[in-house]
Amino acid sequence: GSSYANLDPKIAAGYFEGAINLPNNIDKVDTANRYSDFASRLPKSDLMNSDPKFVTEQVDKASEYQRKISAEVKNEPLLWLRLANDELMSSFIHGKTLGKDNEISINKAIALAPKRVELLQFLLQVKGYESDWVGASVVAEQIVKLNPYRPELHWQLSLAYELSGKTELAVKEAEQAFSEGYKLRGVK
């Protein structure tokens, strides 16, 4: 299916739909991940304008298969991350606010691998989409504790503090970021 993804997405979708229904599929995890990758590119394609129903169906099917495989495997944090990403994409396509399912999936991933910063970064994005700035600052604090030597993470924490109304802490983190070499982009 991946080979046809750019050439003819509808043929690719047929391959993925066939693969997820094969009883002897020996690598369901890879199939779920590739299907999710394929489906996540569709909303950015021309098909979103010309055939939004197809795009929505593929995102929903990929998300449902990812959910099924994540539940079967249970202990693979990157599967849960992909599921959270699929759920996020689905909420955007359906014009819905983020639901608790999205946080449940990413929190399962974090519980399985609590020191993986990319999982916390995703949760931080979710908190930002929800405009939960207090929650975002808590997550950003966790990220900085895990990786205190990256100035951009201090800057990120500074922004989360500012948005949650903690101006003094925001200034302190901004100063820390600049002292460690952080440079604002686009500012001359």
N, C-alpha and C. Protein backbone atom coordinates (compact mmCIF):
# COMPACT_ATOMS: atom_id res chain seq x y z
N GLY A 1 0.79 -1.19 0.00
CA GLY A 1 0.00 0.00 0.00
C GLY A 1 0.83 1.26 0.00
N SER A 2 1.96 1.25 0.71
CA SER A 2 2.79 2.45 0.82
C SER A 2 3.32 2.89 -0.53
N SER A 3 3.60 1.93 -1.41
CA SER A 3 4.14 2.27 -2.73
C SER A 3 3.17 3.08 -3.56
N TYR A 4 1.89 2.86 -3.37
CA TYR A 4 0.88 3.57 -4.14
C TYR A 4 0.36 4.83 -3.45
N ALA A 5 0.83 5.09 -2.26
CA ALA A 5 0.28 6.19 -1.46
C ALA A 5 0.26 7.51 -2.20
N ASN A 6 1.33 7.86 -2.87
CA ASN A 6 1.37 9.12 -3.61
C ASN A 6 0.83 8.99 -5.02
N LEU A 7 1.02 7.84 -5.62
CA LEU A 7 0.60 7.63 -7.00
C LEU A 7 -0.92 7.53 -7.13
N ASP A 8 -1.52 6.68 -6.31
CA ASP A 8 -2.97 6.50 -6.34
C ASP A 8 -3.45 6.09 -4.95
N PRO A 9 -3.81 7.08 -4.14
CA PRO A 9 -4.21 6.78 -2.76
C PRO A 9 -5.37 5.79 -2.64
N LYS A 10 -6.24 5.76 -3.62
CA LYS A 10 -7.38 4.84 -3.53
C LYS A 10 -6.93 3.39 -3.71
N ILE A 11 -5.94 3.16 -4.57
CA ILE A 11 -5.38 1.81 -4.68
C ILE A 11 -4.66 1.45 -3.39
N ALA A 12 -3.89 2.40 -2.86
CA ALA A 12 -3.18 2.17 -1.59
C ALA A 12 -4.17 1.81 -0.49
N ALA A 13 -5.27 2.52 -0.44
CA ALA A 13 -6.28 2.24 0.60
C ALA A 13 -6.80 0.82 0.46
N GLY A 14 -7.00 0.38 -0.77
CA GLY A 14 -7.46 -1.00 -1.00
C GLY A 14 -6.47 -2.02 -0.48
N TYR A 15 -5.18 -1.75 -0.70
CA TYR A 15 -4.16 -2.66 -0.17
C TYR A 15 -4.19 -2.69 1.36
N PHE A 16 -4.28 -1.52 1.96
CA PHE A 16 -4.31 -1.48 3.43
C PHE A 16 -5.54 -2.18 3.97
N GLU A 17 -6.68 -1.91 3.36
CA GLU A 17 -7.91 -2.55 3.82
C GLU A 17 -7.83 -4.07 3.68
N GLY A 18 -7.18 -4.53 2.60
CA GLY A 18 -6.97 -5.98 2.44
C GLY A 18 -6.02 -6.53 3.49
N ALA A 19 -4.94 -5.81 3.75
CA ALA A 19 -3.93 -6.27 4.71
C ALA A 19 -4.47 -6.37 6.12
N ILE A 20 -5.31 -5.43 6.52
CA ILE A 20 -5.81 -5.48 7.91
C ILE A 20 -6.82 -6.61 8.09
N ASN A 21 -7.35 -7.13 7.00
CA ASN A 21 -8.33 -8.21 7.09
C ASN A 21 -7.73 -9.59 6.83
N LEU A 22 -6.41 -9.64 6.58
CA LEU A 22 -5.76 -10.93 6.37
C LEU A 22 -5.64 -11.67 7.70
N PRO A 23 -6.15 -12.88 7.78
CA PRO A 23 -6.05 -13.61 9.05
C PRO A 23 -4.61 -14.01 9.39
N ASN A 24 -3.76 -14.13 8.39
CA ASN A 24 -2.38 -14.54 8.65
C ASN A 24 -1.38 -13.41 8.46
N ASN A 25 -1.80 -12.18 8.70
CA ASN A 25 -0.89 -11.03 8.65
C ASN A 25 0.13 -11.21 9.77
N ILE A 26 1.40 -11.39 9.42
CA ILE A 26 2.41 -11.69 10.44
C ILE A 26 3.00 -10.44 11.09
N ASP A 27 2.71 -9.27 10.54
CA ASP A 27 3.23 -8.05 11.15
C ASP A 27 2.13 -6.99 11.22
N LYS A 28 1.21 -7.22 12.13
CA LYS A 28 0.07 -6.32 12.29
C LYS A 28 0.51 -4.94 12.77
N VAL A 29 1.57 -4.89 13.59
CA VAL A 29 2.06 -3.61 14.10
C VAL A 29 2.56 -2.74 12.94
N ASP A 30 3.36 -3.33 12.07
CA ASP A 30 3.87 -2.57 10.92
C ASP A 30 2.72 -2.14 10.01
N THR A 31 1.76 -3.01 9.80
CA THR A 31 0.60 -2.67 8.98
C THR A 31 -0.16 -1.50 9.59
N ALA A 32 -0.38 -1.56 10.90
CA ALA A 32 -1.10 -0.47 11.58
C ALA A 32 -0.33 0.84 11.45
N ASN A 33 0.99 0.79 11.65
CA ASN A 33 1.79 2.01 11.57
C ASN A 33 1.82 2.59 10.16
N ARG A 34 1.97 1.73 9.17
CA ARG A 34 2.00 2.23 7.78
C ARG A 34 0.64 2.77 7.36
N TYR A 35 -0.42 2.12 7.79
CA TYR A 35 -1.77 2.59 7.47
C TYR A 35 -1.99 3.96 8.12
N SER A 36 -1.56 4.11 9.37
CA SER A 36 -1.68 5.40 10.05
C SER A 36 -0.88 6.48 9.33
N ASP A 37 0.35 6.15 8.93
CA ASP A 37 1.17 7.13 8.19
C ASP A 37 0.47 7.56 6.91
N PHE A 38 -0.04 6.58 6.18
CA PHE A 38 -0.75 6.85 4.94
C PHE A 38 -1.96 7.76 5.20
N ALA A 39 -2.79 7.37 6.17
CA ALA A 39 -4.01 8.12 6.45
C ALA A 39 -3.71 9.53 6.96
N SER A 40 -2.63 9.68 7.71
CA SER A 40 -2.32 11.01 8.26
C SER A 40 -1.88 12.00 7.19
N ARG A 41 -1.44 11.51 6.03
CA ARG A 41 -1.06 12.40 4.94
C ARG A 41 -2.25 12.84 4.09
N LEU A 42 -3.32 12.09 4.13
CA LEU A 42 -4.47 12.38 3.27
C LEU A 42 -5.12 13.74 3.52
N PRO A 43 -5.29 14.18 4.77
CA PRO A 43 -5.93 15.49 4.98
C PRO A 43 -5.14 16.66 4.40
N LYS A 44 -3.84 16.46 4.15
CA LYS A 44 -3.02 17.52 3.57
C LYS A 44 -2.98 17.43 2.04
N SER A 45 -3.64 16.42 1.49
CA SER A 45 -3.60 16.21 0.05
C SER A 45 -4.79 16.90 -0.63
N ASP A 46 -4.75 16.90 -1.96
CA ASP A 46 -5.85 17.46 -2.75
C ASP A 46 -7.16 16.70 -2.55
N LEU A 47 -7.04 15.45 -2.11
CA LEU A 47 -8.24 14.64 -1.89
C LEU A 47 -9.14 15.21 -0.81
N MET A 48 -8.57 15.99 0.09
CA MET A 48 -9.39 16.58 1.16
C MET A 48 -10.45 17.50 0.56
N ASN A 49 -10.12 18.12 -0.56
CA ASN A 49 -11.09 18.98 -1.25
C ASN A 49 -11.95 18.20 -2.24
N SER A 50 -11.32 17.27 -2.96
CA SER A 50 -12.06 16.58 -4.02
C SER A 50 -12.86 15.38 -3.52
N ASP A 51 -12.40 14.72 -2.45
CA ASP A 51 -13.12 13.55 -1.94
C ASP A 51 -12.96 13.46 -0.41
N PRO A 52 -13.54 14.42 0.31
CA PRO A 52 -13.37 14.43 1.77
C PRO A 52 -13.93 13.18 2.46
N LYS A 53 -14.96 12.57 1.86
CA LYS A 53 -15.53 11.36 2.44
C LYS A 53 -14.50 10.23 2.46
N PHE A 54 -13.77 10.08 1.36
CA PHE A 54 -12.71 9.06 1.29
C PHE A 54 -11.65 9.32 2.35
N VAL A 55 -11.22 10.56 2.48
CA VAL A 55 -10.19 10.92 3.46
C VAL A 55 -10.67 10.60 4.87
N THR A 56 -11.89 11.01 5.19
CA THR A 56 -12.45 10.77 6.52
C THR A 56 -12.55 9.28 6.80
N GLU A 57 -13.03 8.51 5.82
CA GLU A 57 -13.15 7.06 6.01
C GLU A 57 -11.79 6.42 6.27
N GLN A 58 -10.77 6.85 5.54
CA GLN A 58 -9.45 6.25 5.71
C GLN A 58 -8.84 6.61 7.06
N VAL A 59 -8.99 7.84 7.47
CA VAL A 59 -8.49 8.24 8.80
C VAL A 59 -9.20 7.44 9.88
N ASP A 60 -10.51 7.29 9.76
CA ASP A 60 -11.27 6.54 10.75
C ASP A 60 -10.88 5.06 10.77
N LYS A 61 -10.72 4.45 9.59
CA LYS A 61 -10.35 3.03 9.51
C LYS A 61 -8.94 2.80 10.06
N ALA A 62 -8.02 3.67 9.71
CA ALA A 62 -6.64 3.53 10.21
C ALA A 62 -6.61 3.69 11.72
N SER A 63 -7.37 4.64 12.22
CA SER A 63 -7.43 4.88 13.66
C SER A 63 -8.03 3.67 14.38
N GLU A 64 -9.08 3.12 13.84
CA GLU A 64 -9.72 1.97 14.46
C GLU A 64 -8.79 0.76 14.46
N TYR A 65 -8.07 0.55 13.38
CA TYR A 65 -7.12 -0.58 13.33
C TYR A 65 -5.97 -0.35 14.31
N GLN A 66 -5.49 0.88 14.38
CA GLN A 66 -4.42 1.21 15.33
C GLN A 66 -4.91 0.96 16.76
N ARG A 67 -6.14 1.31 17.05
CA ARG A 67 -6.73 1.09 18.38
C ARG A 67 -6.77 -0.42 18.69
N LYS A 68 -7.19 -1.20 17.71
CA LYS A 68 -7.28 -2.65 17.89
C LYS A 68 -5.91 -3.26 18.17
N ILE A 69 -4.92 -2.88 17.38
CA ILE A 69 -3.57 -3.45 17.54
C ILE A 69 -2.94 -2.97 18.83
N SER A 70 -3.15 -1.71 19.19
CA SER A 70 -2.61 -1.19 20.46
C SER A 70 -3.17 -1.98 21.63
N ALA A 71 -4.46 -2.28 21.58
CA ALA A 71 -5.10 -3.04 22.66
C ALA A 71 -4.60 -4.48 22.71
N GLU A 72 -4.30 -5.06 21.53
CA GLU A 72 -3.78 -6.43 21.50
C GLU A 72 -2.35 -6.50 22.03
N VAL A 73 -1.51 -5.57 21.60
CA VAL A 73 -0.09 -5.60 21.99
C VAL A 73 0.10 -5.08 23.41
N LYS A 74 -0.62 -4.05 23.77
CA LYS A 74 -0.70 -3.46 25.10
C LYS A 74 0.55 -2.76 25.61
N ASN A 75 1.75 -3.29 25.36
CA ASN A 75 2.94 -2.76 26.03
C ASN A 75 3.91 -2.04 25.10
N GLU A 76 3.43 -1.50 23.99
CA GLU A 76 4.29 -0.80 23.04
C GLU A 76 3.94 0.68 23.05
N PRO A 77 4.75 1.52 23.71
CA PRO A 77 4.39 2.92 23.85
C PRO A 77 4.24 3.68 22.53
N LEU A 78 5.03 3.30 21.53
CA LEU A 78 4.93 4.03 20.26
C LEU A 78 3.63 3.71 19.52
N LEU A 79 3.07 2.54 19.75
CA LEU A 79 1.74 2.25 19.19
C LEU A 79 0.69 3.16 19.81
N TRP A 80 0.78 3.34 21.13
CA TRP A 80 -0.17 4.21 21.81
C TRP A 80 0.02 5.67 21.37
N LEU A 81 1.27 6.06 21.11
CA LEU A 81 1.52 7.41 20.59
C LEU A 81 0.88 7.58 19.22
N ARG A 82 1.05 6.60 18.37
CA ARG A 82 0.43 6.68 17.05
C ARG A 82 -1.09 6.71 17.15
N LEU A 83 -1.63 5.94 18.07
CA LEU A 83 -3.08 5.96 18.26
C LEU A 83 -3.53 7.35 18.71
N ALA A 84 -2.80 7.95 19.64
CA ALA A 84 -3.13 9.30 20.09
C ALA A 84 -3.07 10.28 18.92
N ASN A 85 -2.08 10.12 18.06
CA ASN A 85 -1.96 10.98 16.89
C ASN A 85 -3.14 10.76 15.93
N ASP A 86 -3.51 9.50 15.72
CA ASP A 86 -4.67 9.20 14.88
C ASP A 86 -5.94 9.82 15.45
N GLU A 87 -6.11 9.72 16.76
CA GLU A 87 -7.30 10.29 17.40
C GLU A 87 -7.31 11.81 17.27
N LEU A 88 -6.14 12.40 17.37
CA LEU A 88 -6.03 13.85 17.19
C LEU A 88 -6.44 14.24 15.77
N MET A 89 -5.91 13.52 14.78
CA MET A 89 -6.25 13.78 13.38
C MET A 89 -7.75 13.59 13.15
N SER A 90 -8.31 12.55 13.73
CA SER A 90 -9.73 12.28 13.57
C SER A 90 -10.58 13.41 14.16
N SER A 91 -10.17 13.92 15.31
CA SER A 91 -10.95 15.01 15.92
C SER A 91 -10.92 16.26 15.04
N PHE A 92 -9.78 16.53 14.41
CA PHE A 92 -9.70 17.68 13.50
C PHE A 92 -10.58 17.48 12.28
N ILE A 93 -10.52 16.30 11.69
CA ILE A 93 -11.30 16.02 10.48
C ILE A 93 -12.79 16.09 10.74
N HIS A 94 -13.20 15.60 11.91
CA HIS A 94 -14.62 15.61 12.24
C HIS A 94 -15.06 16.92 12.87
N GLY A 95 -14.12 17.86 13.03
CA GLY A 95 -14.45 19.17 13.60
C GLY A 95 -14.88 19.10 15.04
N LYS A 96 -14.33 18.13 15.77
CA LYS A 96 -14.69 17.96 17.18
C LYS A 96 -13.54 18.42 18.06
N THR A 97 -13.89 18.78 19.27
CA THR A 97 -12.84 19.09 20.24
C THR A 97 -12.17 17.79 20.64
N LEU A 98 -10.98 17.91 21.17
CA LEU A 98 -10.27 16.72 21.62
C LEU A 98 -11.04 16.08 22.75
N GLY A 99 -11.08 14.78 22.72
CA GLY A 99 -11.78 14.06 23.77
C GLY A 99 -10.82 13.44 24.76
N LYS A 100 -11.37 12.90 25.78
CA LYS A 100 -10.55 12.24 26.80
C LYS A 100 -9.85 11.01 26.24
N ASP A 101 -10.40 10.39 25.17
CA ASP A 101 -9.74 9.24 24.55
C ASP A 101 -8.32 9.59 24.13
N ASN A 102 -8.15 10.80 23.61
CA ASN A 102 -6.83 11.20 23.16
C ASN A 102 -5.85 11.22 24.32
N GLU A 103 -6.25 11.79 25.43
CA GLU A 103 -5.36 11.81 26.59
C GLU A 103 -5.17 10.43 27.18
N ILE A 104 -6.18 9.58 27.10
CA ILE A 104 -6.04 8.21 27.61
C ILE A 104 -4.95 7.49 26.83
N SER A 105 -4.96 7.61 25.52
CA SER A 105 -3.97 6.93 24.69
C SER A 105 -2.56 7.44 24.95
N ILE A 106 -2.38 8.75 24.98
CA ILE A 106 -1.03 9.27 25.20
C ILE A 106 -0.58 8.99 26.63
N ASN A 107 -1.49 9.01 27.58
CA ASN A 107 -1.12 8.69 28.96
C ASN A 107 -0.72 7.22 29.11
N LYS A 108 -1.34 6.32 28.33
CA LYS A 108 -0.91 4.91 28.33
C LYS A 108 0.51 4.81 27.80
N ALA A 109 0.79 5.55 26.74
CA ALA A 109 2.16 5.55 26.18
C ALA A 109 3.16 6.04 27.22
N ILE A 110 2.82 7.12 27.90
CA ILE A 110 3.72 7.70 28.91
C ILE A 110 3.90 6.74 30.08
N ALA A 111 2.84 6.07 30.49
CA ALA A 111 2.95 5.11 31.59
C ALA A 111 3.92 3.97 31.24
N LEU A 112 3.94 3.59 29.95
CA LEU A 112 4.84 2.53 29.51
C LEU A 112 6.28 2.99 29.37
N ALA A 113 6.47 4.27 29.07
CA ALA A 113 7.83 4.81 28.86
C ALA A 113 7.89 6.23 29.41
N PRO A 114 7.90 6.38 30.73
CA PRO A 114 7.77 7.71 31.34
C PRO A 114 8.93 8.67 31.09
N LYS A 115 10.05 8.17 30.61
CA LYS A 115 11.19 9.05 30.37
C LYS A 115 11.39 9.39 28.89
N ARG A 116 10.45 9.03 28.06
CA ARG A 116 10.53 9.37 26.63
C ARG A 116 9.92 10.74 26.42
N VAL A 117 10.79 11.69 26.14
CA VAL A 117 10.37 13.08 26.02
C VAL A 117 9.37 13.29 24.89
N GLU A 118 9.51 12.55 23.78
CA GLU A 118 8.60 12.78 22.66
C GLU A 118 7.16 12.45 23.03
N LEU A 119 6.96 11.54 23.95
CA LEU A 119 5.60 11.24 24.40
C LEU A 119 5.04 12.42 25.20
N LEU A 120 5.87 12.96 26.06
CA LEU A 120 5.45 14.14 26.83
C LEU A 120 5.23 15.34 25.92
N GLN A 121 6.05 15.47 24.88
CA GLN A 121 5.87 16.57 23.93
C GLN A 121 4.49 16.49 23.27
N PHE A 122 4.08 15.29 22.93
CA PHE A 122 2.76 15.12 22.32
C PHE A 122 1.67 15.52 23.31
N LEU A 123 1.80 15.08 24.57
CA LEU A 123 0.82 15.47 25.58
C LEU A 123 0.80 16.98 25.75
N LEU A 124 1.95 17.61 25.68
CA LEU A 124 2.03 19.07 25.76
C LEU A 124 1.23 19.71 24.61
N GLN A 125 1.36 19.16 23.41
CA GLN A 125 0.58 19.67 22.28
C GLN A 125 -0.91 19.52 22.53
N VAL A 126 -1.30 18.37 23.05
CA VAL A 126 -2.72 18.13 23.35
C VAL A 126 -3.22 19.17 24.35
N LYS A 127 -2.44 19.40 25.41
CA LYS A 127 -2.82 20.41 26.40
C LYS A 127 -2.95 21.79 25.75
N GLY A 128 -2.05 22.09 24.81
CA GLY A 128 -2.13 23.36 24.09
C GLY A 128 -3.39 23.46 23.24
N TYR A 129 -3.74 22.39 22.53
CA TYR A 129 -4.97 22.40 21.72
C TYR A 129 -6.19 22.58 22.59
N GLU A 130 -6.13 22.04 23.80
CA GLU A 130 -7.25 22.16 24.73
C GLU A 130 -7.24 23.49 25.48
N SER A 131 -6.21 24.31 25.26
CA SER A 131 -6.00 25.56 25.99
C SER A 131 -5.93 25.33 27.49
N ASP A 132 -5.38 24.19 27.87
CA ASP A 132 -5.16 23.85 29.28
C ASP A 132 -3.73 24.26 29.63
N TRP A 133 -3.56 25.55 29.90
CA TRP A 133 -2.20 26.08 30.10
C TRP A 133 -1.60 25.66 31.42
N VAL A 134 -2.41 25.45 32.43
CA VAL A 134 -1.88 24.95 33.70
C VAL A 134 -1.37 23.52 33.49
N GLY A 135 -2.18 22.71 32.84
CA GLY A 135 -1.75 21.34 32.52
C GLY A 135 -0.51 21.34 31.63
N ALA A 136 -0.47 22.27 30.68
CA ALA A 136 0.69 22.36 29.78
C ALA A 136 1.96 22.71 30.57
N SER A 137 1.82 23.60 31.54
CA SER A 137 3.02 23.97 32.31
C SER A 137 3.50 22.80 33.16
N VAL A 138 2.60 21.98 33.66
CA VAL A 138 3.00 20.79 34.43
C VAL A 138 3.76 19.81 33.54
N VAL A 139 3.27 19.59 32.33
CA VAL A 139 3.93 18.69 31.40
C VAL A 139 5.28 19.27 30.97
N ALA A 140 5.32 20.56 30.69
CA ALA A 140 6.58 21.21 30.29
C ALA A 140 7.62 21.12 31.41
N GLU A 141 7.18 21.21 32.65
CA GLU A 141 8.10 21.03 33.79
C GLU A 141 8.70 19.63 33.78
N GLN A 142 7.87 18.63 33.52
CA GLN A 142 8.36 17.24 33.45
C GLN A 142 9.40 17.09 32.36
N ILE A 143 9.15 17.72 31.22
CA ILE A 143 10.07 17.62 30.09
C ILE A 143 11.41 18.23 30.45
N VAL A 144 11.40 19.40 31.09
CA VAL A 144 12.65 20.06 31.47
C VAL A 144 13.40 19.24 32.52
N LYS A 145 12.68 18.62 33.43
CA LYS A 145 13.34 17.76 34.43
C LYS A 145 14.06 16.59 33.77
N LEU A 146 13.46 16.03 32.72
CA LEU A 146 14.07 14.91 32.02
C LEU A 146 15.24 15.34 31.14
N ASN A 147 15.19 16.56 30.65
CA ASN A 147 16.24 17.02 29.73
C ASN A 147 16.53 18.50 30.01
N PRO A 148 17.25 18.77 31.11
CA PRO A 148 17.46 20.16 31.54
C PRO A 148 18.50 20.94 30.73
N TYR A 149 19.16 20.29 29.80
CA TYR A 149 20.27 20.94 29.09
C TYR A 149 19.90 21.44 27.70
N ARG A 150 18.64 21.45 27.36
CA ARG A 150 18.21 21.96 26.06
C ARG A 150 17.50 23.29 26.26
N PRO A 151 18.12 24.37 25.83
CA PRO A 151 17.53 25.69 26.07
C PRO A 151 16.14 25.88 25.49
N GLU A 152 15.84 25.22 24.36
CA GLU A 152 14.52 25.39 23.76
C GLU A 152 13.42 24.81 24.66
N LEU A 153 13.77 23.83 25.48
CA LEU A 153 12.78 23.28 26.41
C LEU A 153 12.49 24.25 27.55
N HIS A 154 13.52 25.00 27.97
CA HIS A 154 13.29 26.05 28.98
C HIS A 154 12.41 27.15 28.39
N TRP A 155 12.64 27.47 27.12
CA TRP A 155 11.81 28.48 26.46
C TRP A 155 10.36 28.00 26.37
N GLN A 156 10.19 26.75 26.02
CA GLN A 156 8.85 26.16 25.94
C GLN A 156 8.16 26.24 27.30
N LEU A 157 8.90 25.92 28.36
CA LEU A 157 8.34 26.00 29.70
C LEU A 157 8.00 27.45 30.05
N SER A 158 8.84 28.38 29.63
CA SER A 158 8.58 29.80 29.85
C SER A 158 7.25 30.21 29.21
N LEU A 159 7.01 29.78 28.00
CA LEU A 159 5.75 30.10 27.32
C LEU A 159 4.56 29.48 28.04
N ALA A 160 4.71 28.24 28.48
CA ALA A 160 3.62 27.58 29.21
C ALA A 160 3.31 28.32 30.51
N TYR A 161 4.37 28.73 31.21
CA TYR A 161 4.16 29.51 32.44
C TYR A 161 3.44 30.82 32.14
N GLU A 162 3.88 31.52 31.10
CA GLU A 162 3.26 32.81 30.75
C GLU A 162 1.78 32.62 30.43
N LEU A 163 1.47 31.59 29.66
CA LEU A 163 0.07 31.34 29.28
C LEU A 163 -0.79 30.90 30.46
N SER A 164 -0.15 30.34 31.48
CA SER A 164 -0.92 29.92 32.67
C SER A 164 -0.91 30.98 33.76
N GLY A 165 -0.37 32.16 33.43
CA GLY A 165 -0.42 33.28 34.37
C GLY A 165 0.69 33.31 35.40
N LYS A 166 1.73 32.54 35.21
CA LYS A 166 2.85 32.49 36.14
C LYS A 166 4.02 33.30 35.58
N THR A 167 3.85 34.62 35.55
CA THR A 167 4.79 35.51 34.88
C THR A 167 6.20 35.45 35.46
N GLU A 168 6.32 35.43 36.77
CA GLU A 168 7.66 35.40 37.38
C GLU A 168 8.42 34.13 36.99
N LEU A 169 7.74 33.01 37.03
CA LEU A 169 8.37 31.76 36.60
C LEU A 169 8.69 31.79 35.11
N ALA A 170 7.84 32.42 34.33
CA ALA A 170 8.06 32.53 32.89
C ALA A 170 9.34 33.31 32.61
N VAL A 171 9.52 34.41 33.31
CA VAL A 171 10.72 35.24 33.12
C VAL A 171 11.97 34.46 33.52
N LYS A 172 11.89 33.75 34.63
CA LYS A 172 13.03 32.96 35.11
C LYS A 172 13.44 31.91 34.07
N GLU A 173 12.47 31.19 33.53
CA GLU A 173 12.77 30.16 32.52
C GLU A 173 13.28 30.78 31.22
N ALA A 174 12.74 31.93 30.84
CA ALA A 174 13.22 32.62 29.63
C ALA A 174 14.68 33.02 29.82
N GLU A 175 15.01 33.56 30.98
CA GLU A 175 16.40 33.93 31.26
C GLU A 175 17.30 32.71 31.21
N GLN A 176 16.83 31.60 31.75
CA GLN A 176 17.60 30.35 31.70
C GLN A 176 17.83 29.92 30.25
N ALA A 177 16.80 30.00 29.45
CA ALA A 177 16.91 29.61 28.04
C ALA A 177 17.94 30.48 27.32
N PHE A 178 17.87 31.80 27.52
CA PHE A 178 18.80 32.71 26.85
C PHE A 178 20.23 32.51 27.35
N SER A 179 20.39 32.25 28.65
CA SER A 179 21.72 32.05 29.20
C SER A 179 22.37 30.77 28.65
N GLU A 180 21.54 29.83 28.23
CA GLU A 180 22.04 28.58 27.65
C GLU A 180 22.17 28.65 26.13
N GLY A 181 21.92 29.83 25.56
CA GLY A 181 22.14 30.00 24.13
C GLY A 181 20.91 29.99 23.26
N TYR A 182 19.73 29.99 23.85
CA TYR A 182 18.51 30.00 23.03
C TYR A 182 18.43 31.29 22.25
N LYS A 183 18.09 31.18 20.98
CA LYS A 183 17.93 32.36 20.11
C LYS A 183 16.52 32.34 19.53
N LEU A 184 15.87 33.49 19.61
CA LEU A 184 14.54 33.62 19.01
C LEU A 184 14.69 33.56 17.50
N ARG A 185 13.84 32.79 16.88
CA ARG A 185 13.87 32.70 15.40
C ARG A 185 12.98 33.76 14.81
N GLY A 186 13.41 34.31 13.71
CA GLY A 186 12.62 35.30 13.00
C GLY A 186 12.72 36.70 13.57
N VAL A 187 13.52 36.87 14.61
CA VAL A 187 13.71 38.20 15.21
C VAL A 187 15.08 38.70 14.77
N LYS A 188 15.09 39.91 14.21
CA LYS A 188 16.36 40.48 13.72
C LYS A 188 16.84 41.58 14.60
